[in-house]
Amino acid sequence: MNNKNLETIWPNDFRKEYKAIEQELQGKIAKFFDKGRYILGEEVETFESAFATYVGTNHCVGVANGLDGLFLALKALGIGNGDEVLVPSNAYIASVLAISHAGAKPVFVEPNPITFNIDATLIEAKITGNTKAIMPVHLYGLISDMPAIMNIAQQNNLFVVEDCAQAHGAKVNGQHAGSFGDINAFSFYPTKNLGACGDAGAITTNSAELAEKIKKLRNYGSVERYRNEVIGYNSRLDELQAAILNVKLNYLDVWNTKRREIAQEYACIFSDQLWTLPTEPEGYHHVFHQYVVQSANRAEDMRWLKEQGYECLIHYPVPPYKSEAYREVYKNENYPLADKLAEQVISLPVHGKMWQK
């Protein structure tokens, strides 16, 4: 049951990805230096337009990273002190940090045990008079149950902020992640399905008003130089990273298709293991940012996988509410499903250049 090439398969291989598009990247970078515009120039504008079109929204605003994207999205909605935001209990801590940075309180909702995403059937029980937004996190490349979540939000007059950091290209009923919520955030960290060569992020929305707010907030509160209309931040998408993303965006669907093919092969290769394998509900398009299985014997199975040539990771070993940052705040709360997943999940390597020489 070894991997195809009987060699170690790593979670990512940036060298192979670079080699596949080396000439295009080098040409783009050369043009970037010829232009001599390093901040908020043509490359950022081009990417914002192209990515908005890809996602299916009216607007995209580039920011420095995914965490800033979530934080600025909440700020643009006016969410702050005294407000509550619902977020899955098994999310990566960045989602939770963004809520805290905005001054609001993260309120945890357990995930669906099959999809790992926020369980829409548990959301309404967590809504209080202080609840202002739902932040579904599209974990591992599978979009959350957005039709149900949007219906709940509409009925309860709540905002929706999608965390799309792991869901570039993911869809439900043909609609892309990042096009459902009021305002949504992406990360382009190098390991993402669409990854830059450093930190980068973006916000998508159909609201011209929210997009304009983000443009001010990301740039010291200013759209016109030296005219600072609000108390802003420095969180701009780097022009060089945008240039790289403009090349890579053309390959996103191709690389996602490869990830899906790898997932199908894994399902066959490991069909005899006593694991819970990833699922793809009807109408969903999974892009497998991670290929995550559940094992009741994780330590033993990870040793065995390493012997077979698979270098695996754990996403994530500590639920946010048990982290040192939040332990005291949530010491009287219990999220058993988040705990179980933290103890059992294994992420097998998956990327667009696997098994390619």
Protein backbone atom coordinates (compact mmCIF):
# COMPACT_ATOMS: atom_id res chain seq x y z
CA MET A 1 0.00 0.00 0.00
CA ASN A 2 2.97 2.30 -0.63
CA ASN A 3 2.66 5.57 -2.53
CA LYS A 4 3.03 5.47 -6.30
CA ASN A 5 6.71 6.40 -6.56
CA LEU A 6 7.89 4.70 -3.38
CA GLU A 7 9.29 8.03 -2.24
CA THR A 8 8.34 10.39 0.51
CA ILE A 9 5.30 12.50 -0.32
CA TRP A 10 5.37 15.85 1.46
CA PRO A 11 2.34 18.01 2.28
CA ASN A 12 3.51 20.66 -0.20
CA ASP A 13 6.06 20.92 -2.99
CA PHE A 14 6.54 24.56 -3.88
CA ARG A 15 9.48 23.77 -6.16
CA LYS A 16 7.42 21.62 -8.51
CA GLU A 17 4.66 24.22 -8.60
CA TYR A 18 7.19 26.95 -9.41
CA LYS A 19 8.87 24.91 -12.12
CA ALA A 20 5.53 24.25 -13.82
CA ILE A 21 4.92 27.99 -14.34
CA GLU A 22 8.48 29.33 -14.06
CA GLN A 23 8.60 31.19 -17.37
CA GLU A 24 5.29 32.94 -16.78
CA LEU A 25 6.25 33.95 -13.26
CA GLN A 26 9.68 35.22 -14.29
CA GLY A 27 8.13 37.23 -17.10
CA LYS A 28 5.53 38.71 -14.79
CA ILE A 29 8.13 39.59 -12.15
CA ALA A 30 10.38 41.23 -14.75
CA LYS A 31 7.48 43.41 -15.91
CA PHE A 32 6.71 44.25 -12.29
CA PHE A 33 10.20 45.67 -11.74
CA ASP A 34 10.10 47.49 -15.08
CA LYS A 35 6.93 49.31 -13.99
CA GLY A 36 8.44 50.39 -10.67
CA ARG A 37 5.04 50.58 -8.92
CA TYR A 38 5.29 48.61 -5.69
CA ILE A 39 2.17 49.52 -3.69
CA LEU A 40 -1.51 49.32 -4.83
CA GLY A 41 -0.74 49.38 -8.50
CA GLU A 42 -1.96 47.73 -11.68
CA GLU A 43 -1.29 44.16 -10.53
CA VAL A 44 -3.49 44.54 -7.43
CA GLU A 45 -6.28 46.12 -9.48
CA THR A 46 -6.04 43.37 -12.10
CA PHE A 47 -6.16 40.63 -9.50
CA GLU A 48 -9.04 42.21 -7.62
CA SER A 49 -11.08 42.33 -10.81
CA ALA A 50 -10.15 38.81 -11.92
CA PHE A 51 -10.75 37.21 -8.53
CA ALA A 52 -14.12 38.94 -8.10
CA THR A 53 -15.12 37.52 -11.48
CA TYR A 54 -13.87 34.06 -10.53
CA VAL A 55 -15.71 34.02 -7.19
CA GLY A 56 -18.83 35.62 -8.64
CA THR A 57 -19.00 38.87 -6.65
CA ASN A 58 -19.15 42.50 -7.64
CA HIS A 59 -16.10 43.50 -5.62
CA CYS A 60 -12.78 42.17 -4.36
CA VAL A 61 -10.35 44.15 -2.22
CA GLY A 62 -6.83 42.87 -1.64
CA VAL A 63 -5.46 42.89 1.91
CA ALA A 64 -2.26 41.74 3.60
CA ASN A 65 -3.42 38.32 4.82
CA GLY A 66 -6.45 36.21 5.68
CA LEU A 67 -6.62 37.19 9.36
CA ASP A 68 -6.69 40.86 8.42
CA GLY A 69 -9.38 40.05 5.89
CA LEU A 70 -11.66 38.59 8.55
CA PHE A 71 -10.91 41.36 11.04
CA LEU A 72 -11.47 44.18 8.54
CA ALA A 73 -14.66 42.51 7.32
CA LEU A 74 -16.04 42.57 10.86
CA LYS A 75 -14.93 46.18 11.33
CA ALA A 76 -16.62 47.21 8.09
CA LEU A 77 -19.87 45.70 9.38
CA GLY A 78 -19.57 47.74 12.58
CA ILE A 79 -19.17 44.66 14.78
CA GLY A 80 -17.36 45.34 18.04
CA ASN A 81 -17.63 45.51 21.82
CA GLY A 82 -20.62 43.68 23.26
CA ASP A 83 -21.37 41.82 20.03
CA GLU A 84 -21.22 38.07 19.53
CA VAL A 85 -20.13 36.17 16.44
CA LEU A 86 -20.90 32.48 15.96
CA VAL A 87 -17.93 30.41 14.78
CA PRO A 88 -17.26 26.65 14.61
CA SER A 89 -15.58 25.16 17.67
CA ASN A 90 -13.01 23.28 15.56
CA ALA A 91 -11.92 26.22 13.37
CA TYR A 92 -8.33 27.33 12.99
CA ILE A 93 -7.62 29.94 15.64
CA ALA A 94 -7.25 32.76 13.09
CA SER A 95 -11.03 32.85 12.68
CA VAL A 96 -11.44 33.27 16.42
CA LEU A 97 -8.65 35.83 16.73
CA ALA A 98 -10.30 38.06 14.13
CA ILE A 99 -13.48 38.18 16.22
CA SER A 100 -11.49 39.03 19.35
CA HIS A 101 -9.47 41.72 17.57
CA ALA A 102 -12.72 43.35 16.49
CA GLY A 103 -13.71 43.50 20.15
CA ALA A 104 -16.54 40.98 19.81
CA LYS A 105 -17.03 37.65 21.59
CA PRO A 106 -16.51 34.36 19.74
CA VAL A 107 -19.41 31.98 20.45
CA PHE A 108 -18.60 28.41 19.49
CA VAL A 109 -20.92 26.08 17.59
CA GLU A 110 -19.99 22.42 17.19
CA PRO A 111 -19.30 21.05 13.70
CA ASN A 112 -21.19 18.50 11.69
CA PRO A 113 -19.39 15.19 12.42
CA ILE A 114 -19.41 14.21 8.74
CA THR A 115 -18.40 17.43 6.97
CA PHE A 116 -16.34 19.00 9.84
CA ASN A 117 -18.01 22.34 9.04
CA ILE A 118 -20.30 24.29 11.36
CA ASP A 119 -23.50 22.35 12.02
CA ALA A 120 -26.28 24.56 10.71
CA THR A 121 -28.84 22.69 12.82
CA LEU A 122 -27.12 23.92 16.00
CA ILE A 123 -26.81 27.59 15.08
CA GLU A 124 -30.19 28.95 16.15
CA ALA A 125 -29.81 27.62 19.69
CA LYS A 126 -26.70 29.81 20.06
CA ILE A 127 -28.31 33.06 18.89
CA THR A 128 -28.84 35.71 21.57
CA GLY A 129 -29.78 39.35 21.58
CA ASN A 130 -26.06 40.16 21.22
CA THR A 131 -25.45 37.95 18.19
CA LYS A 132 -24.51 40.03 15.16
CA ALA A 133 -22.96 37.59 12.70
CA ILE A 134 -22.25 34.00 11.71
CA MET A 135 -18.75 33.12 10.54
CA PRO A 136 -18.86 29.78 8.72
CA VAL A 137 -15.36 28.40 8.14
CA HIS A 138 -15.11 26.26 5.00
CA LEU A 139 -12.72 23.76 6.50
CA TYR A 140 -10.37 21.54 4.47
CA GLY A 141 -11.79 22.66 1.10
CA LEU A 142 -15.47 21.78 1.59
CA ILE A 143 -17.89 24.69 1.63
CA SER A 144 -20.28 24.92 4.58
CA ASP A 145 -24.05 24.47 4.25
CA MET A 146 -24.43 28.01 2.97
CA PRO A 147 -28.06 27.78 1.77
CA ALA A 148 -29.16 26.81 5.30
CA ILE A 149 -26.85 29.33 6.97
CA MET A 150 -28.02 32.20 4.78
CA ASN A 151 -31.63 31.31 5.52
CA ILE A 152 -30.95 31.36 9.28
CA ALA A 153 -29.11 34.66 8.98
CA GLN A 154 -31.93 36.24 7.04
CA GLN A 155 -34.57 35.07 9.50
CA ASN A 156 -32.57 36.42 12.45
CA ASN A 157 -31.26 39.61 10.84
CA LEU A 158 -27.62 38.52 11.13
CA PHE A 159 -24.58 39.23 8.98
CA VAL A 160 -22.62 36.38 7.41
CA VAL A 161 -18.84 36.52 7.05
CA GLU A 162 -17.43 33.52 5.21
CA ASP A 163 -13.93 32.35 6.13
CA CYS A 164 -12.79 31.01 2.76
CA ALA A 165 -9.10 30.56 3.60
CA GLN A 166 -9.22 26.86 2.65
CA ALA A 167 -11.90 26.94 -0.02
CA HIS A 168 -10.61 28.62 -3.19
CA GLY A 169 -12.86 27.19 -5.91
CA ALA A 170 -15.16 25.23 -3.59
CA LYS A 171 -18.85 25.34 -4.55
CA VAL A 172 -22.31 24.29 -3.50
CA ASN A 173 -25.00 24.04 -6.18
CA GLY A 174 -22.57 25.73 -8.56
CA GLN A 175 -22.04 28.84 -6.43
CA HIS A 176 -18.54 29.64 -5.23
CA ALA A 177 -17.35 30.06 -1.68
CA GLY A 178 -16.97 33.74 -0.97
CA SER A 179 -20.11 34.76 -2.85
CA PHE A 180 -22.78 33.95 -0.25
CA GLY A 181 -22.02 36.12 2.76
CA ASP A 182 -22.32 39.86 3.21
CA ILE A 183 -18.55 40.11 3.18
CA ASN A 184 -16.00 37.30 3.02
CA ALA A 185 -12.28 36.72 3.44
CA PHE A 186 -9.63 34.64 1.67
CA SER A 187 -6.05 33.84 2.57
CA PHE A 188 -3.38 33.29 -0.08
CA TYR A 189 -0.79 31.89 2.30
CA PRO A 190 1.64 29.76 0.23
CA THR A 191 0.06 26.42 1.25
CA LYS A 192 -3.43 27.41 0.07
CA ASN A 193 -5.00 26.07 -3.12
CA LEU A 194 -4.31 29.53 -4.53
CA GLY A 195 -1.14 30.53 -2.74
CA ALA A 196 1.15 33.53 -3.04
CA CYS A 197 4.87 33.45 -2.28
CA GLY A 198 4.30 35.07 1.08
CA ASP A 199 1.39 36.46 3.06
CA ALA A 200 -1.58 37.80 1.09
CA GLY A 201 -5.36 37.97 1.36
CA ALA A 202 -8.54 39.39 -0.11
CA ILE A 203 -12.10 40.32 0.78
CA THR A 204 -15.07 39.70 -1.52
CA THR A 205 -18.51 41.30 -1.36
CA ASN A 206 -21.42 42.39 -3.51
CA SER A 207 -21.75 45.62 -1.55
CA ALA A 208 -20.10 48.71 -3.05
CA GLU A 209 -20.42 50.41 0.34
CA LEU A 210 -18.58 47.64 2.20
CA ALA A 211 -15.90 47.44 -0.50
CA GLU A 212 -15.30 51.18 -0.17
CA LYS A 213 -15.02 50.85 3.62
CA ILE A 214 -12.42 48.09 3.24
CA LYS A 215 -10.39 50.17 0.80
CA LYS A 216 -10.21 52.90 3.42
CA LEU A 217 -9.55 50.61 6.38
CA ARG A 218 -6.70 48.76 4.63
CA ASN A 219 -4.88 51.99 3.74
CA TYR A 220 -4.65 54.13 6.89
CA GLY A 221 -8.29 55.16 6.57
CA SER A 222 -7.61 56.83 3.25
CA VAL A 223 -8.56 56.44 -0.40
CA GLU A 224 -7.11 59.77 -1.47
CA ARG A 225 -3.57 60.31 -0.25
CA TYR A 226 -3.25 62.32 2.98
CA ARG A 227 -7.03 62.51 3.38
CA ASN A 228 -7.67 60.11 6.27
CA GLU A 229 -11.42 59.73 6.64
CA VAL A 230 -11.45 57.01 9.33
CA ILE A 231 -9.02 55.41 11.78
CA GLY A 232 -7.52 52.82 9.49
CA TYR A 233 -4.82 50.18 9.32
CA ASN A 234 -1.95 49.16 7.07
CA SER A 235 -3.14 45.96 5.42
CA ARG A 236 -2.60 46.15 1.67
CA LEU A 237 -2.16 43.29 -0.75
CA ASP A 238 1.46 43.51 -1.87
CA GLU A 239 1.82 44.42 -5.53
CA LEU A 240 4.41 41.69 -6.16
CA GLN A 241 2.23 39.03 -4.53
CA ALA A 242 -0.69 40.22 -6.65
CA ALA A 243 1.47 39.80 -9.76
CA ILE A 244 2.21 36.20 -8.75
CA LEU A 245 -1.44 35.53 -7.98
CA ASN A 246 -2.43 36.87 -11.39
CA VAL A 247 -0.43 34.04 -12.94
CA LYS A 248 -1.51 31.34 -10.52
CA LEU A 249 -5.22 32.14 -10.71
CA ASN A 250 -5.20 30.80 -14.27
CA TYR A 251 -4.18 27.39 -12.92
CA LEU A 252 -6.42 27.19 -9.85
CA ASP A 253 -9.11 25.00 -11.41
CA VAL A 254 -6.52 22.70 -12.98
CA TRP A 255 -4.74 22.24 -9.67
CA ASN A 256 -8.04 21.74 -7.86
CA THR A 257 -8.94 19.02 -10.35
CA LYS A 258 -5.66 17.30 -9.54
CA ARG A 259 -6.44 17.50 -5.83
CA ARG A 260 -9.82 15.89 -6.47
CA GLU A 261 -8.16 13.10 -8.46
CA ILE A 262 -5.72 12.47 -5.61
CA ALA A 263 -8.65 12.32 -3.19
CA GLN A 264 -10.32 9.69 -5.37
CA GLU A 265 -7.13 7.65 -5.43
CA TYR A 266 -6.76 7.94 -1.66
CA ALA A 267 -10.31 6.69 -1.24
CA CYS A 268 -9.29 3.53 -3.12
CA ILE A 269 -5.83 3.14 -1.59
CA PHE A 270 -7.09 3.42 1.98
CA SER A 271 -10.51 1.84 1.56
CA ASP A 272 -9.56 -1.05 3.87
CA GLN A 273 -8.47 1.20 6.75
CA LEU A 274 -10.71 1.69 9.76
CA TRP A 275 -10.85 5.42 9.14
CA THR A 276 -13.60 7.92 8.47
CA LEU A 277 -12.76 9.28 5.03
CA PRO A 278 -13.74 12.72 3.67
CA THR A 279 -17.18 13.10 2.17
CA GLU A 280 -18.63 15.21 -0.63
CA PRO A 281 -22.38 15.74 -0.17
CA GLU A 282 -24.58 15.90 -3.24
CA GLY A 283 -24.37 19.28 -4.95
CA TYR A 284 -21.01 20.13 -3.36
CA HIS A 285 -17.64 20.60 -5.06
CA HIS A 286 -14.81 19.76 -2.63
CA VAL A 287 -11.37 21.19 -3.48
CA PHE A 288 -9.40 19.22 -0.86
CA HIS A 289 -7.18 21.87 0.63
CA GLN A 290 -6.51 19.01 3.04
CA TYR A 291 -7.38 15.33 2.76
CA VAL A 292 -8.42 14.69 6.36
CA VAL A 293 -9.29 11.30 7.81
CA GLN A 294 -10.37 10.33 11.31
CA SER A 295 -8.55 7.56 13.14
CA ALA A 296 -9.18 6.17 16.60
CA ASN A 297 -5.50 5.10 16.64
CA ARG A 298 -3.86 8.24 15.28
CA ALA A 299 -0.34 7.87 16.66
CA GLU A 300 -0.03 4.29 15.41
CA ASP A 301 -1.57 5.10 12.03
CA MET A 302 0.67 8.12 11.50
CA ARG A 303 3.74 5.98 12.17
CA TRP A 304 2.48 3.44 9.67
CA LEU A 305 1.76 6.15 7.07
CA LYS A 306 5.27 7.53 7.46
CA GLU A 307 6.66 4.05 6.80
CA GLN A 308 4.62 4.02 3.59
CA GLY A 309 6.15 7.33 2.54
CA TYR A 310 3.40 9.76 3.56
CA GLU A 311 4.44 12.76 5.67
CA CYS A 312 1.21 13.70 7.42
CA LEU A 313 0.09 16.65 9.54
CA ILE A 314 -2.62 17.33 12.11
CA HIS A 315 -5.18 20.07 11.44
CA TYR A 316 -5.66 20.92 14.28
CA PRO A 317 -4.36 19.35 17.52
CA VAL A 318 -5.84 21.94 19.92
CA PRO A 319 -9.37 23.41 19.65
CA PRO A 320 -9.29 27.21 19.98
CA TYR A 321 -11.26 27.19 23.23
CA LYS A 322 -8.55 25.02 24.83
CA SER A 323 -5.63 27.12 23.60
CA GLU A 324 -3.67 29.09 26.17
CA ALA A 325 -5.03 32.28 24.62
CA TYR A 326 -8.65 31.37 25.39
CA ARG A 327 -8.49 28.67 28.06
CA GLU A 328 -9.54 30.94 30.94
CA VAL A 329 -12.34 32.55 28.96
CA TYR A 330 -13.99 29.21 28.10
CA LYS A 331 -12.94 27.14 31.13
CA ASN A 332 -16.57 26.37 31.98
CA GLU A 333 -17.53 25.34 28.45
CA ASN A 334 -17.20 21.97 26.75
CA TYR A 335 -17.12 21.06 23.06
CA PRO A 336 -16.75 17.28 22.85
CA LEU A 337 -16.90 16.98 19.08
CA ALA A 338 -14.15 19.57 18.62
CA ASP A 339 -12.13 17.63 21.20
CA LYS A 340 -12.71 14.34 19.40
CA LEU A 341 -11.63 15.74 16.05
CA ALA A 342 -8.52 17.29 17.60
CA GLU A 343 -7.58 13.85 18.91
CA GLN A 344 -8.34 11.85 15.75
CA VAL A 345 -7.78 13.84 12.55
CA ILE A 346 -4.88 13.13 10.19
CA SER A 347 -4.12 15.25 7.11
CA LEU A 348 -2.59 13.23 4.28
CA PRO A 349 -0.44 15.14 1.78
CA VAL A 350 -2.36 16.59 -1.15
CA HIS A 351 -1.26 19.21 -3.64
CA GLY A 352 -1.49 19.93 -7.34
CA LYS A 353 1.90 18.45 -8.25
CA MET A 354 1.80 15.13 -6.41
CA TRP A 355 3.11 12.06 -8.23
CA GLN A 356 4.58 14.24 -10.97
CA LYS A 357 8.28 14.12 -11.76
